[in-house]
């Protein structure tokens, strides 16, 4: 049985996500966006992901720091999916080795 508070939190997060998406469409409907604004909006999901993940790397563990460097280098050269795969694999391998 699922904990009632967990269910409330999941429903709340889903509501905020849907409201944010619908609100974005409603506010930007019928407007022409500049290339700069489009680039900013495309980068936003990655920025949010980094904001969630980055504090974990502040622990100072050498394996995680090295995996972070490898992932950043991969992100500069590769699309998102291969970068994520390289980041996960490097973190897993380096945690076992170091």
Protein backbone atom coordinates (compact mmCIF):
# COMPACT_ATOMS: atom_id res chain seq x y z
CA UNK A 1 0.00 0.00 0.00
CA UNK A 2 1.33 3.42 -0.91
CA UNK A 3 1.84 5.97 1.82
CA UNK A 4 -0.84 8.70 1.59
CA UNK A 5 1.73 11.51 1.88
CA UNK A 6 3.75 10.03 -0.97
CA UNK A 7 0.64 9.92 -3.13
CA UNK A 8 -0.22 13.54 -2.25
CA UNK A 9 3.31 14.66 -3.14
CA UNK A 10 3.24 12.78 -6.47
CA UNK A 11 -0.13 14.29 -7.37
CA UNK A 12 1.12 17.74 -6.36
CA UNK A 13 4.25 17.45 -8.50
CA UNK A 14 2.20 16.22 -11.46
CA UNK A 15 -0.20 19.14 -11.05
CA UNK A 16 2.63 21.68 -10.95
CA UNK A 17 4.26 20.11 -14.01
CA UNK A 18 1.06 20.12 -16.07
CA UNK A 19 0.18 23.66 -14.94
CA UNK A 20 3.64 24.90 -15.90
CA UNK A 21 3.43 23.35 -19.36
CA UNK A 22 -0.09 24.61 -20.02
CA UNK A 23 0.82 28.04 -18.65
CA UNK A 24 3.80 28.28 -21.00
CA UNK A 25 1.64 27.50 -24.01
CA UNK A 26 -1.05 29.93 -22.87
CA UNK A 27 1.38 32.79 -22.26
CA UNK A 28 3.42 32.31 -25.43
CA UNK A 29 0.57 31.44 -27.79
CA UNK A 30 0.55 33.62 -30.87
CA UNK A 31 3.92 35.21 -30.16
CA UNK A 32 7.00 35.05 -32.32
CA UNK A 33 10.03 34.15 -30.22
CA UNK A 34 13.49 35.44 -30.97
CA UNK A 35 16.29 32.95 -31.65
CA UNK A 36 17.91 33.96 -28.38
CA UNK A 37 14.74 33.21 -26.37
CA UNK A 38 14.30 29.90 -28.20
CA UNK A 39 17.88 28.92 -27.30
CA UNK A 40 17.24 29.87 -23.67
CA UNK A 41 14.07 27.80 -23.52
CA UNK A 42 15.83 24.81 -25.07
CA UNK A 43 18.62 25.03 -22.47
CA UNK A 44 16.29 25.34 -19.47
CA UNK A 45 15.62 21.59 -18.93
CA UNK A 46 19.34 20.86 -18.86
CA UNK A 47 19.91 23.69 -16.40
CA UNK A 48 17.23 22.31 -14.08
CA UNK A 49 18.77 18.84 -14.29
CA UNK A 50 22.21 20.20 -13.43
CA UNK A 51 20.77 22.17 -10.51
CA UNK A 52 19.32 18.94 -9.11
CA UNK A 53 22.42 16.80 -9.73
CA UNK A 54 25.24 19.27 -8.97
CA UNK A 55 24.96 19.23 -5.15
CA UNK A 56 25.68 15.50 -5.20
CA UNK A 57 29.07 16.18 -6.77
CA UNK A 58 29.99 18.66 -4.06
CA UNK A 59 30.75 15.72 -1.78
CA UNK A 60 34.32 15.70 -3.04
CA UNK A 61 34.51 12.00 -3.87
CA UNK A 62 37.26 11.61 -6.47
CA UNK A 63 35.34 9.06 -8.57
CA UNK A 64 32.32 11.37 -8.87
CA UNK A 65 34.43 14.42 -9.64
CA UNK A 66 36.32 12.57 -12.38
CA UNK A 67 33.06 11.19 -13.81
CA UNK A 68 31.70 14.74 -13.85
CA UNK A 69 34.72 15.95 -15.84
CA UNK A 70 34.35 13.07 -18.32
CA UNK A 71 30.64 13.83 -18.73
CA UNK A 72 31.26 17.53 -19.33
CA UNK A 73 33.84 16.72 -22.01
CA UNK A 74 31.39 14.29 -23.62
CA UNK A 75 28.62 16.91 -23.49
CA UNK A 76 30.78 19.35 -25.43
CA UNK A 77 31.15 16.87 -28.29
CA UNK A 78 28.16 14.50 -28.29
CA UNK A 79 24.34 14.60 -28.24
CA UNK A 80 22.39 14.13 -24.98
CA UNK A 81 21.80 10.34 -25.01
CA UNK A 82 25.43 9.28 -25.54
CA UNK A 83 26.51 11.87 -22.97
CA UNK A 84 24.14 10.46 -20.36
CA UNK A 85 25.31 6.92 -21.11
CA UNK A 86 28.98 7.92 -20.86
CA UNK A 87 28.31 9.78 -17.62
CA UNK A 88 26.53 6.83 -16.03
CA UNK A 89 29.10 4.30 -17.20
CA UNK A 90 32.06 6.42 -16.12
CA UNK A 91 30.53 7.02 -12.69
CA UNK A 92 29.84 3.32 -12.18
CA UNK A 93 33.28 2.21 -13.34
CA UNK A 94 35.18 4.88 -11.45
CA UNK A 95 33.29 4.16 -8.22
CA UNK A 96 34.40 0.53 -8.48
CA UNK A 97 37.99 1.37 -9.35
CA UNK A 98 38.65 4.29 -6.99
